[in-house]
Amino acid sequence: MTIPSPNTELVEEYQQKWGKLDNYVSQESSLRKLFVKTYPNNTDMDEVLIKVCSLNDFYSTNIFSPFSVAKRIISLDIDERLRNKDVTLVNDIARVNVNNKREFNFYSFATKYCSHHNPEEYPIYDSYVDKMLMGLKRQDSFYDFRKADLKEYSKYKNILIQFRAYYELEQFTLKQIDKYLWQAGKEIFLRRK
């Protein structure tokens, strides 16, 4: 299967498509208000828990223990790390011990949580983005990386930066690149099922 080669026109087309997805635009807007205006800090359990639950519901991230995730976020004292754009924060948030029994890796959720605090610095990881990046790597050899690198956030962000440079898409933010990759991936890989 061939993936259309990313270019300025294609990415712009997907930005316009995004703007017409009323449910996603409204969800993103309400989450932005929740994360940035209503509850910008991450020290109060009630505030963090409502953000975790809202994000989990809107994105269907399958967090089956929101309290454990909220407790983990609070324990990490993340506010300064978010302000400092610390990319190691994502993998730290992702690793959650549930009921003192088992550690889970809620990586996709953690990217979304950080992204909603600072969308330009924390691009979102998603399975469709993963498929697009791996498919374009095989097709165009745009950058040398392994699939496992996509789950190491500092490497993942660098892969997106290399992707943007390779296809000469520097005029787009990482958030715009994310919107393109997610939508295109969803269209291409849902058709394959």
N, C-alpha and C. Protein backbone atom coordinates (compact mmCIF):
# COMPACT_ATOMS: atom_id res chain seq x y z
N MET A 1 0.84 -1.18 0.00
CA MET A 1 0.00 0.00 0.00
C MET A 1 0.89 1.25 0.00
N THR A 2 0.55 2.19 -0.84
CA THR A 2 1.29 3.44 -0.93
C THR A 2 0.56 4.52 -0.15
N ILE A 3 1.33 5.25 0.65
CA ILE A 3 0.80 6.39 1.39
C ILE A 3 1.14 7.64 0.58
N PRO A 4 0.17 8.50 0.32
CA PRO A 4 0.50 9.74 -0.40
C PRO A 4 1.62 10.50 0.30
N SER A 5 2.61 10.93 -0.45
CA SER A 5 3.75 11.62 0.12
C SER A 5 3.32 12.95 0.73
N PRO A 6 3.67 13.19 1.98
CA PRO A 6 3.27 14.44 2.64
C PRO A 6 3.84 15.66 1.92
N ASN A 7 3.00 16.66 1.78
CA ASN A 7 3.44 17.93 1.19
C ASN A 7 2.57 19.04 1.78
N THR A 8 2.94 20.27 1.47
CA THR A 8 2.25 21.43 2.04
C THR A 8 0.75 21.40 1.75
N GLU A 9 0.38 21.13 0.52
CA GLU A 9 -1.03 21.14 0.13
C GLU A 9 -1.82 20.08 0.89
N LEU A 10 -1.23 18.90 1.02
CA LEU A 10 -1.92 17.81 1.71
C LEU A 10 -2.12 18.14 3.20
N VAL A 11 -1.09 18.66 3.83
CA VAL A 11 -1.20 19.01 5.25
C VAL A 11 -2.22 20.13 5.43
N GLU A 12 -2.23 21.11 4.55
CA GLU A 12 -3.22 22.18 4.63
C GLU A 12 -4.64 21.64 4.42
N GLU A 13 -4.78 20.70 3.50
CA GLU A 13 -6.08 20.08 3.26
C GLU A 13 -6.61 19.42 4.53
N TYR A 14 -5.73 18.73 5.26
CA TYR A 14 -6.15 18.08 6.50
C TYR A 14 -6.41 19.07 7.62
N GLN A 15 -5.77 20.24 7.59
CA GLN A 15 -6.08 21.28 8.59
C GLN A 15 -7.52 21.77 8.35
N GLN A 16 -7.89 21.92 7.09
CA GLN A 16 -9.26 22.36 6.76
C GLN A 16 -10.27 21.28 7.14
N LYS A 17 -9.93 20.03 6.88
CA LYS A 17 -10.82 18.93 7.26
C LYS A 17 -11.03 18.92 8.78
N TRP A 18 -9.93 19.14 9.52
CA TRP A 18 -10.02 19.15 10.99
C TRP A 18 -11.02 20.21 11.45
N GLY A 19 -10.95 21.38 10.84
CA GLY A 19 -11.84 22.47 11.22
C GLY A 19 -13.31 22.17 11.02
N LYS A 20 -13.61 21.17 10.20
CA LYS A 20 -15.00 20.79 9.93
C LYS A 20 -15.49 19.63 10.81
N LEU A 21 -14.61 19.11 11.64
CA LEU A 21 -14.98 18.02 12.55
C LEU A 21 -15.52 18.62 13.85
N ASP A 22 -16.78 19.03 13.82
CA ASP A 22 -17.35 19.77 14.95
C ASP A 22 -17.13 19.11 16.31
N ASN A 23 -17.31 17.79 16.37
CA ASN A 23 -17.16 17.12 17.66
C ASN A 23 -15.73 17.22 18.18
N TYR A 24 -14.74 17.03 17.32
CA TYR A 24 -13.34 17.11 17.76
C TYR A 24 -12.94 18.54 18.09
N VAL A 25 -13.39 19.48 17.28
CA VAL A 25 -13.06 20.88 17.53
C VAL A 25 -13.65 21.32 18.87
N SER A 26 -14.89 20.94 19.15
CA SER A 26 -15.53 21.30 20.42
C SER A 26 -14.86 20.60 21.60
N GLN A 27 -14.55 19.32 21.43
CA GLN A 27 -13.86 18.60 22.51
C GLN A 27 -12.52 19.24 22.82
N GLU A 28 -11.75 19.54 21.78
CA GLU A 28 -10.44 20.16 21.98
C GLU A 28 -10.58 21.51 22.66
N SER A 29 -11.56 22.28 22.26
CA SER A 29 -11.78 23.59 22.85
C SER A 29 -12.14 23.48 24.33
N SER A 30 -13.02 22.56 24.65
CA SER A 30 -13.42 22.41 26.05
C SER A 30 -12.27 21.87 26.90
N LEU A 31 -11.48 20.95 26.34
CA LEU A 31 -10.32 20.44 27.09
C LEU A 31 -9.28 21.54 27.27
N ARG A 32 -9.09 22.35 26.26
CA ARG A 32 -8.13 23.46 26.37
C ARG A 32 -8.55 24.40 27.51
N LYS A 33 -9.84 24.72 27.57
CA LYS A 33 -10.34 25.58 28.64
C LYS A 33 -10.14 24.92 30.00
N LEU A 34 -10.42 23.63 30.09
CA LEU A 34 -10.27 22.89 31.34
C LEU A 34 -8.81 22.86 31.80
N PHE A 35 -7.90 22.56 30.88
CA PHE A 35 -6.48 22.39 31.23
C PHE A 35 -5.74 23.72 31.41
N VAL A 36 -6.10 24.72 30.64
CA VAL A 36 -5.32 25.96 30.64
C VAL A 36 -5.96 27.06 31.49
N LYS A 37 -7.28 27.16 31.46
CA LYS A 37 -7.93 28.25 32.18
C LYS A 37 -8.52 27.82 33.52
N THR A 38 -9.29 26.76 33.52
CA THR A 38 -10.00 26.36 34.73
C THR A 38 -9.07 25.71 35.75
N TYR A 39 -8.32 24.71 35.32
CA TYR A 39 -7.43 23.97 36.23
C TYR A 39 -6.03 23.85 35.63
N PRO A 40 -5.27 24.93 35.57
CA PRO A 40 -3.95 24.87 34.94
C PRO A 40 -2.89 24.14 35.76
N ASN A 41 -3.12 23.97 37.04
CA ASN A 41 -2.12 23.33 37.91
C ASN A 41 -2.45 21.87 38.14
N ASN A 42 -1.49 21.17 38.70
CA ASN A 42 -1.62 19.72 38.87
C ASN A 42 -1.24 19.29 40.28
N THR A 43 -1.79 19.98 41.26
CA THR A 43 -1.48 19.67 42.65
C THR A 43 -2.69 19.26 43.47
N ASP A 44 -3.87 19.52 42.98
CA ASP A 44 -5.12 19.23 43.70
C ASP A 44 -5.78 17.99 43.09
N MET A 45 -6.10 17.02 43.92
CA MET A 45 -6.67 15.75 43.42
C MET A 45 -7.96 15.97 42.64
N ASP A 46 -8.87 16.81 43.14
CA ASP A 46 -10.14 17.03 42.44
C ASP A 46 -9.89 17.58 41.03
N GLU A 47 -9.00 18.54 40.93
CA GLU A 47 -8.72 19.17 39.64
C GLU A 47 -8.04 18.22 38.66
N VAL A 48 -7.07 17.49 39.15
CA VAL A 48 -6.36 16.54 38.27
C VAL A 48 -7.28 15.40 37.88
N LEU A 49 -8.08 14.91 38.82
CA LEU A 49 -8.98 13.80 38.53
C LEU A 49 -10.01 14.17 37.46
N ILE A 50 -10.54 15.39 37.52
CA ILE A 50 -11.52 15.79 36.50
C ILE A 50 -10.85 15.91 35.13
N LYS A 51 -9.59 16.34 35.10
CA LYS A 51 -8.88 16.41 33.82
C LYS A 51 -8.61 15.00 33.28
N VAL A 52 -8.19 14.11 34.15
CA VAL A 52 -7.92 12.72 33.73
C VAL A 52 -9.20 12.09 33.19
N CYS A 53 -10.31 12.24 33.91
CA CYS A 53 -11.57 11.63 33.49
C CYS A 53 -12.08 12.23 32.18
N SER A 54 -11.99 13.53 32.04
CA SER A 54 -12.45 14.18 30.81
C SER A 54 -11.63 13.73 29.60
N LEU A 55 -10.33 13.73 29.76
CA LEU A 55 -9.44 13.30 28.68
C LEU A 55 -9.69 11.84 28.33
N ASN A 56 -9.83 11.01 29.33
CA ASN A 56 -10.09 9.59 29.13
C ASN A 56 -11.39 9.38 28.37
N ASP A 57 -12.41 10.14 28.72
CA ASP A 57 -13.71 10.00 28.07
C ASP A 57 -13.67 10.49 26.62
N PHE A 58 -13.14 11.69 26.39
CA PHE A 58 -13.13 12.25 25.05
C PHE A 58 -12.27 11.43 24.09
N TYR A 59 -11.16 10.93 24.57
CA TYR A 59 -10.23 10.21 23.69
C TYR A 59 -10.35 8.69 23.78
N SER A 60 -11.19 8.19 24.64
CA SER A 60 -11.33 6.73 24.83
C SER A 60 -9.96 6.09 25.04
N THR A 61 -9.21 6.60 26.02
CA THR A 61 -7.85 6.11 26.25
C THR A 61 -7.78 4.87 27.14
N ASN A 62 -8.92 4.37 27.57
CA ASN A 62 -8.99 3.13 28.34
C ASN A 62 -8.23 3.17 29.66
N ILE A 63 -8.29 4.31 30.33
CA ILE A 63 -7.74 4.40 31.67
C ILE A 63 -8.80 3.83 32.60
N PHE A 64 -8.55 2.65 33.11
CA PHE A 64 -9.55 1.98 33.94
C PHE A 64 -9.41 2.33 35.42
N SER A 65 -8.38 3.08 35.76
CA SER A 65 -8.19 3.52 37.14
C SER A 65 -7.78 5.00 37.15
N PRO A 66 -8.73 5.90 36.85
CA PRO A 66 -8.40 7.33 36.79
C PRO A 66 -7.79 7.86 38.09
N PHE A 67 -8.23 7.34 39.22
CA PHE A 67 -7.68 7.80 40.50
C PHE A 67 -6.18 7.49 40.58
N SER A 68 -5.78 6.29 40.17
CA SER A 68 -4.36 5.92 40.21
C SER A 68 -3.53 6.82 39.30
N VAL A 69 -4.09 7.17 38.15
CA VAL A 69 -3.38 8.04 37.22
C VAL A 69 -3.27 9.45 37.81
N ALA A 70 -4.36 9.96 38.36
CA ALA A 70 -4.33 11.29 38.98
C ALA A 70 -3.34 11.33 40.14
N LYS A 71 -3.35 10.29 40.93
CA LYS A 71 -2.41 10.20 42.07
C LYS A 71 -0.96 10.22 41.57
N ARG A 72 -0.69 9.52 40.49
CA ARG A 72 0.65 9.49 39.90
C ARG A 72 1.06 10.89 39.42
N ILE A 73 0.16 11.57 38.75
CA ILE A 73 0.45 12.91 38.24
C ILE A 73 0.78 13.86 39.39
N ILE A 74 -0.01 13.82 40.43
CA ILE A 74 0.24 14.69 41.59
C ILE A 74 1.58 14.36 42.24
N SER A 75 1.89 13.09 42.34
CA SER A 75 3.14 12.67 43.00
C SER A 75 4.38 13.16 42.26
N LEU A 76 4.24 13.42 40.96
CA LEU A 76 5.39 13.83 40.14
C LEU A 76 5.66 15.34 40.19
N ASP A 77 4.75 16.10 40.77
CA ASP A 77 4.93 17.56 40.86
C ASP A 77 5.32 18.12 39.48
N ILE A 78 4.40 18.03 38.53
CA ILE A 78 4.73 18.23 37.12
C ILE A 78 4.68 19.67 36.62
N ASP A 79 4.13 20.59 37.36
CA ASP A 79 3.90 21.93 36.81
C ASP A 79 5.17 22.61 36.30
N GLU A 80 6.22 22.59 37.07
CA GLU A 80 7.46 23.22 36.62
C GLU A 80 8.05 22.47 35.42
N ARG A 81 7.94 21.16 35.43
CA ARG A 81 8.44 20.37 34.31
C ARG A 81 7.69 20.69 33.02
N LEU A 82 6.37 20.91 33.14
CA LEU A 82 5.59 21.33 31.97
C LEU A 82 6.06 22.69 31.47
N ARG A 83 6.26 23.63 32.39
CA ARG A 83 6.73 24.97 32.00
C ARG A 83 8.10 24.90 31.33
N ASN A 84 8.94 23.96 31.79
CA ASN A 84 10.29 23.81 31.23
C ASN A 84 10.32 22.93 29.99
N LYS A 85 9.15 22.46 29.55
CA LYS A 85 9.02 21.63 28.33
C LYS A 85 9.85 20.35 28.43
N ASP A 86 9.83 19.76 29.59
CA ASP A 86 10.58 18.54 29.87
C ASP A 86 9.92 17.34 29.18
N VAL A 87 10.55 16.85 28.12
CA VAL A 87 9.96 15.73 27.36
C VAL A 87 10.02 14.41 28.13
N THR A 88 10.88 14.30 29.13
CA THR A 88 10.94 13.06 29.91
C THR A 88 9.71 12.89 30.79
N LEU A 89 8.97 13.97 30.96
CA LEU A 89 7.77 13.93 31.80
C LEU A 89 6.74 12.94 31.27
N VAL A 90 6.59 12.85 29.96
CA VAL A 90 5.57 11.98 29.38
C VAL A 90 5.76 10.53 29.82
N ASN A 91 6.96 10.00 29.67
CA ASN A 91 7.18 8.61 30.07
C ASN A 91 7.05 8.43 31.59
N ASP A 92 7.36 9.47 32.35
CA ASP A 92 7.17 9.39 33.81
C ASP A 92 5.70 9.31 34.17
N ILE A 93 4.87 10.12 33.53
CA ILE A 93 3.43 10.08 33.79
C ILE A 93 2.85 8.74 33.34
N ALA A 94 3.33 8.23 32.23
CA ALA A 94 2.76 7.02 31.63
C ALA A 94 2.83 5.79 32.53
N ARG A 95 3.89 5.69 33.31
CA ARG A 95 4.08 4.50 34.15
C ARG A 95 3.32 4.65 35.46
N VAL A 96 2.23 3.88 35.57
CA VAL A 96 1.33 4.00 36.71
C VAL A 96 1.17 2.65 37.39
N ASN A 97 1.38 2.65 38.68
CA ASN A 97 1.14 1.46 39.50
C ASN A 97 -0.32 1.50 39.93
N VAL A 98 -1.07 0.48 39.57
CA VAL A 98 -2.49 0.42 39.89
C VAL A 98 -2.71 -0.54 41.05
N ASN A 99 -3.26 0.00 42.12
CA ASN A 99 -3.60 -0.77 43.33
C ASN A 99 -2.40 -1.50 43.93
N ASN A 100 -1.23 -0.92 43.78
CA ASN A 100 0.01 -1.52 44.30
C ASN A 100 0.21 -2.96 43.83
N LYS A 101 -0.34 -3.27 42.67
CA LYS A 101 -0.26 -4.64 42.16
C LYS A 101 0.53 -4.74 40.87
N ARG A 102 0.25 -3.83 39.96
CA ARG A 102 0.85 -3.96 38.63
C ARG A 102 1.09 -2.58 38.03
N GLU A 103 2.21 -2.44 37.31
CA GLU A 103 2.50 -1.19 36.64
C GLU A 103 1.98 -1.25 35.20
N PHE A 104 1.32 -0.19 34.80
CA PHE A 104 0.80 -0.06 33.45
C PHE A 104 1.51 1.10 32.75
N ASN A 105 1.54 1.02 31.42
CA ASN A 105 2.14 2.09 30.64
C ASN A 105 1.03 2.77 29.84
N PHE A 106 0.54 3.89 30.36
CA PHE A 106 -0.51 4.65 29.70
C PHE A 106 0.13 5.75 28.85
N TYR A 107 0.96 5.35 27.92
CA TYR A 107 1.78 6.27 27.13
C TYR A 107 0.94 7.24 26.29
N SER A 108 0.01 6.72 25.51
CA SER A 108 -0.80 7.58 24.66
C SER A 108 -1.54 8.61 25.51
N PHE A 109 -2.11 8.16 26.62
CA PHE A 109 -2.79 9.08 27.53
C PHE A 109 -1.83 10.16 28.03
N ALA A 110 -0.64 9.78 28.43
CA ALA A 110 0.33 10.74 28.97
C ALA A 110 0.70 11.79 27.93
N THR A 111 0.82 11.41 26.66
CA THR A 111 1.11 12.40 25.62
C THR A 111 -0.04 13.39 25.50
N LYS A 112 -1.26 12.89 25.60
CA LYS A 112 -2.44 13.75 25.49
C LYS A 112 -2.54 14.68 26.71
N TYR A 113 -2.22 14.17 27.88
CA TYR A 113 -2.30 14.99 29.10
C TYR A 113 -1.32 16.16 29.00
N CYS A 114 -0.10 15.88 28.63
CA CYS A 114 0.90 16.95 28.50
C CYS A 114 0.54 17.89 27.35
N SER A 115 0.07 17.33 26.26
CA SER A 115 -0.28 18.14 25.10
C SER A 115 -1.38 19.15 25.42
N HIS A 116 -2.32 18.76 26.25
CA HIS A 116 -3.40 19.69 26.57
C HIS A 116 -2.95 20.82 27.49
N HIS A 117 -1.80 20.66 28.09
CA HIS A 117 -1.20 21.77 28.83
C HIS A 117 -0.36 22.64 27.90
N ASN A 118 0.27 22.03 26.89
CA ASN A 118 1.12 22.79 25.97
C ASN A 118 1.17 22.04 24.63
N PRO A 119 0.18 22.29 23.76
CA PRO A 119 0.07 21.52 22.52
C PRO A 119 1.21 21.70 21.53
N GLU A 120 1.89 22.82 21.58
CA GLU A 120 2.98 23.04 20.63
C GLU A 120 4.26 22.32 21.02
N GLU A 121 4.41 22.02 22.29
CA GLU A 121 5.64 21.36 22.76
C GLU A 121 5.48 19.86 22.97
N TYR A 122 4.24 19.41 23.11
CA TYR A 122 3.98 18.00 23.39
C TYR A 122 3.03 17.41 22.35
N PRO A 123 3.58 16.95 21.21
CA PRO A 123 2.71 16.31 20.22
C PRO A 123 2.14 15.00 20.76
N ILE A 124 0.96 14.67 20.27
CA ILE A 124 0.24 13.49 20.75
C ILE A 124 0.68 12.25 19.98
N TYR A 125 0.86 11.15 20.73
CA TYR A 125 1.10 9.85 20.13
C TYR A 125 -0.24 9.14 20.03
N ASP A 126 -0.45 8.48 18.92
CA ASP A 126 -1.68 7.73 18.67
C ASP A 126 -1.33 6.58 17.74
N SER A 127 -2.11 5.53 17.77
CA SER A 127 -1.80 4.36 16.93
C SER A 127 -1.83 4.70 15.44
N TYR A 128 -2.69 5.63 15.02
CA TYR A 128 -2.72 6.00 13.60
C TYR A 128 -1.48 6.81 13.22
N VAL A 129 -1.02 7.66 14.12
CA VAL A 129 0.22 8.40 13.87
C VAL A 129 1.38 7.41 13.77
N ASP A 130 1.40 6.44 14.66
CA ASP A 130 2.41 5.37 14.66
C ASP A 130 2.42 4.67 13.29
N LYS A 131 1.25 4.28 12.82
CA LYS A 131 1.16 3.56 11.55
C LYS A 131 1.63 4.43 10.38
N MET A 132 1.27 5.69 10.42
CA MET A 132 1.71 6.61 9.35
C MET A 132 3.23 6.76 9.35
N LEU A 133 3.80 6.99 10.53
CA LEU A 133 5.25 7.17 10.60
C LEU A 133 5.99 5.90 10.17
N MET A 134 5.54 4.76 10.62
CA MET A 134 6.19 3.50 10.23
C MET A 134 6.01 3.24 8.73
N GLY A 135 4.82 3.51 8.21
CA GLY A 135 4.57 3.32 6.78
C GLY A 135 5.42 4.24 5.92
N LEU A 136 5.53 5.50 6.32
CA LEU A 136 6.34 6.45 5.55
C LEU A 136 7.82 6.18 5.71
N LYS A 137 8.21 5.63 6.84
CA LYS A 137 9.62 5.23 7.02
C LYS A 137 9.95 4.12 6.02
N ARG A 138 9.09 3.11 5.93
CA ARG A 138 9.31 2.01 4.99
C ARG A 138 9.29 2.51 3.54
N GLN A 139 8.35 3.40 3.26
CA GLN A 139 8.15 3.88 1.90
C GLN A 139 9.24 4.86 1.45
N ASP A 140 9.57 5.84 2.29
CA ASP A 140 10.45 6.93 1.87
C ASP A 140 11.78 6.99 2.62
N SER A 141 11.94 6.16 3.64
CA SER A 141 13.16 6.21 4.47
C SER A 141 13.47 7.62 4.95
N PHE A 142 12.43 8.31 5.48
CA PHE A 142 12.61 9.71 5.86
C PHE A 142 13.52 9.90 7.06
N TYR A 143 13.69 8.84 7.89
CA TYR A 143 14.54 8.95 9.07
C TYR A 143 14.76 7.53 9.59
N ASP A 144 15.92 7.29 10.19
CA ASP A 144 16.24 5.96 10.71
C ASP A 144 15.81 5.85 12.17
N PHE A 145 14.81 5.03 12.42
CA PHE A 145 14.33 4.79 13.79
C PHE A 145 13.65 3.43 13.85
N ARG A 146 13.46 2.97 15.05
CA ARG A 146 12.75 1.69 15.26
C ARG A 146 11.36 1.98 15.80
N LYS A 147 10.49 1.04 15.66
CA LYS A 147 9.11 1.19 16.16
C LYS A 147 9.12 1.48 17.66
N ALA A 148 9.99 0.84 18.40
CA ALA A 148 10.07 1.05 19.85
C ALA A 148 10.42 2.50 20.20
N ASP A 149 11.12 3.19 19.30
CA ASP A 149 11.49 4.59 19.54
C ASP A 149 10.25 5.49 19.64
N LEU A 150 9.17 5.09 19.01
CA LEU A 150 7.95 5.90 19.06
C LEU A 150 7.35 5.93 20.47
N LYS A 151 7.73 4.99 21.31
CA LYS A 151 7.22 4.93 22.68
C LYS A 151 8.20 5.53 23.70
N GLU A 152 9.28 6.10 23.21
CA GLU A 152 10.23 6.84 24.05
C GLU A 152 10.05 8.30 23.63
N TYR A 153 9.39 9.09 24.50
CA TYR A 153 8.86 10.37 24.05
C TYR A 153 9.90 11.33 23.48
N SER A 154 11.07 11.42 24.06
CA SER A 154 12.07 12.35 23.50
C SER A 154 12.44 11.92 22.07
N LYS A 155 12.52 10.61 21.85
CA LYS A 155 12.80 10.11 20.49
C LYS A 155 11.60 10.34 19.57
N TYR A 156 10.42 10.11 20.09
CA TYR A 156 9.20 10.32 19.30
C TYR A 156 9.11 11.76 18.81
N LYS A 157 9.32 12.71 19.71
CA LYS A 157 9.24 14.11 19.31
C LYS A 157 10.31 14.43 18.26
N ASN A 158 11.50 13.89 18.43
CA ASN A 158 12.56 14.10 17.44
C ASN A 158 12.19 13.49 16.09
N ILE A 159 11.56 12.34 16.09
CA ILE A 159 11.12 11.71 14.84
C ILE A 159 10.15 12.63 14.11
N LEU A 160 9.22 13.24 14.85
CA LEU A 160 8.27 14.17 14.23
C LEU A 160 8.99 15.40 13.66
N ILE A 161 9.99 15.88 14.37
CA ILE A 161 10.78 17.02 13.89
C ILE A 161 11.53 16.63 12.61
N GLN A 162 12.11 15.44 12.60
CA GLN A 162 12.81 14.96 11.39
C GLN A 162 11.84 14.74 10.23
N PHE A 163 10.66 14.23 10.54
CA PHE A 163 9.61 14.05 9.54
C PHE A 163 9.26 15.40 8.90
N ARG A 164 9.03 16.38 9.75
CA ARG A 164 8.67 17.72 9.27
C ARG A 164 9.78 18.30 8.38
N ALA A 165 11.02 18.12 8.77
CA ALA A 165 12.14 18.64 7.98
C ALA A 165 12.29 17.89 6.65
N TYR A 166 12.19 16.56 6.69
CA TYR A 166 12.38 15.75 5.49
C TYR A 166 11.38 16.13 4.39
N TYR A 167 10.12 16.32 4.81
CA TYR A 167 9.07 16.62 3.84
C TYR A 167 8.89 18.13 3.62
N GLU A 168 9.81 18.93 4.18
CA GLU A 168 9.80 20.39 4.03
C GLU A 168 8.47 20.99 4.47
N LEU A 169 8.10 20.65 5.71
CA LEU A 169 6.83 21.11 6.29
C LEU A 169 7.07 21.99 7.52
N GLU A 170 8.21 22.69 7.55
CA GLU A 170 8.58 23.47 8.72
C GLU A 170 7.62 24.60 9.04
N GLN A 171 6.80 25.01 8.08
CA GLN A 171 5.84 26.08 8.35
C GLN A 171 4.69 25.61 9.24
N PHE A 172 4.60 24.30 9.46
CA PHE A 172 3.54 23.74 10.29
C PHE A 172 4.06 23.45 11.70
N THR A 173 3.21 23.68 12.69
CA THR A 173 3.56 23.33 14.06
C THR A 173 3.47 21.82 14.23
N LEU A 174 4.03 21.33 15.31
CA LEU A 174 3.91 19.90 15.59
C LEU A 174 2.45 19.51 15.82
N LYS A 175 1.66 20.41 16.35
CA LYS A 175 0.23 20.14 16.54
C LYS A 175 -0.45 19.97 15.18
N GLN A 176 -0.10 20.80 14.22
CA GLN A 176 -0.68 20.67 12.89
C GLN A 176 -0.22 19.39 12.20
N ILE A 177 1.03 19.03 12.40
CA ILE A 177 1.55 17.77 11.85
C ILE A 177 0.80 16.60 12.47
N ASP A 178 0.56 16.68 13.76
CA ASP A 178 -0.19 15.64 14.47
C ASP A 178 -1.60 15.49 13.89
N LYS A 179 -2.28 16.61 13.67
CA LYS A 179 -3.64 16.57 13.10
C LYS A 179 -3.63 15.90 11.72
N TYR A 180 -2.64 16.24 10.92
CA TYR A 180 -2.52 15.64 9.59
C TYR A 180 -2.29 14.13 9.70
N LEU A 181 -1.27 13.73 10.47
CA LEU A 181 -0.92 12.31 10.57
C LEU A 181 -2.08 11.49 11.11
N TRP A 182 -2.76 12.00 12.13
CA TRP A 182 -3.87 11.25 12.74
C TRP A 182 -5.01 11.06 11.75
N GLN A 183 -5.42 12.14 11.10
CA GLN A 183 -6.54 12.03 10.16
C GLN A 183 -6.20 11.17 8.95
N ALA A 184 -5.02 11.39 8.37
CA ALA A 184 -4.62 10.60 7.20
C ALA A 184 -4.47 9.13 7.59
N GLY A 185 -3.87 8.88 8.75
CA GLY A 185 -3.72 7.51 9.23
C GLY A 185 -5.04 6.82 9.43
N LYS A 186 -5.97 7.56 10.01
CA LYS A 186 -7.31 6.99 10.25
C LYS A 186 -7.98 6.65 8.92
N GLU A 187 -7.90 7.54 7.95
CA GLU A 187 -8.50 7.28 6.64
C GLU A 187 -7.84 6.09 5.95
N ILE A 188 -6.53 6.07 5.93
CA ILE A 188 -5.79 5.03 5.19
C ILE A 188 -5.90 3.68 5.89
N PHE A 189 -5.70 3.62 7.18
CA PHE A 189 -5.62 2.33 7.84
C PHE A 189 -6.97 1.77 8.25
N LEU A 190 -8.00 2.59 8.37
CA LEU A 190 -9.34 2.05 8.57
C LEU A 190 -9.86 1.39 7.30
N ARG A 191 -9.46 1.92 6.15
CA ARG A 191 -9.86 1.33 4.86
C ARG A 191 -9.28 -0.07 4.69
N ARG A 192 -8.12 -0.29 5.28
CA ARG A 192 -7.42 -1.58 5.10
C ARG A 192 -8.07 -2.71 5.87
N LYS A 193 -8.88 -2.40 6.86
CA LYS A 193 -9.49 -3.45 7.70
C LYS A 193 -10.55 -4.21 6.96
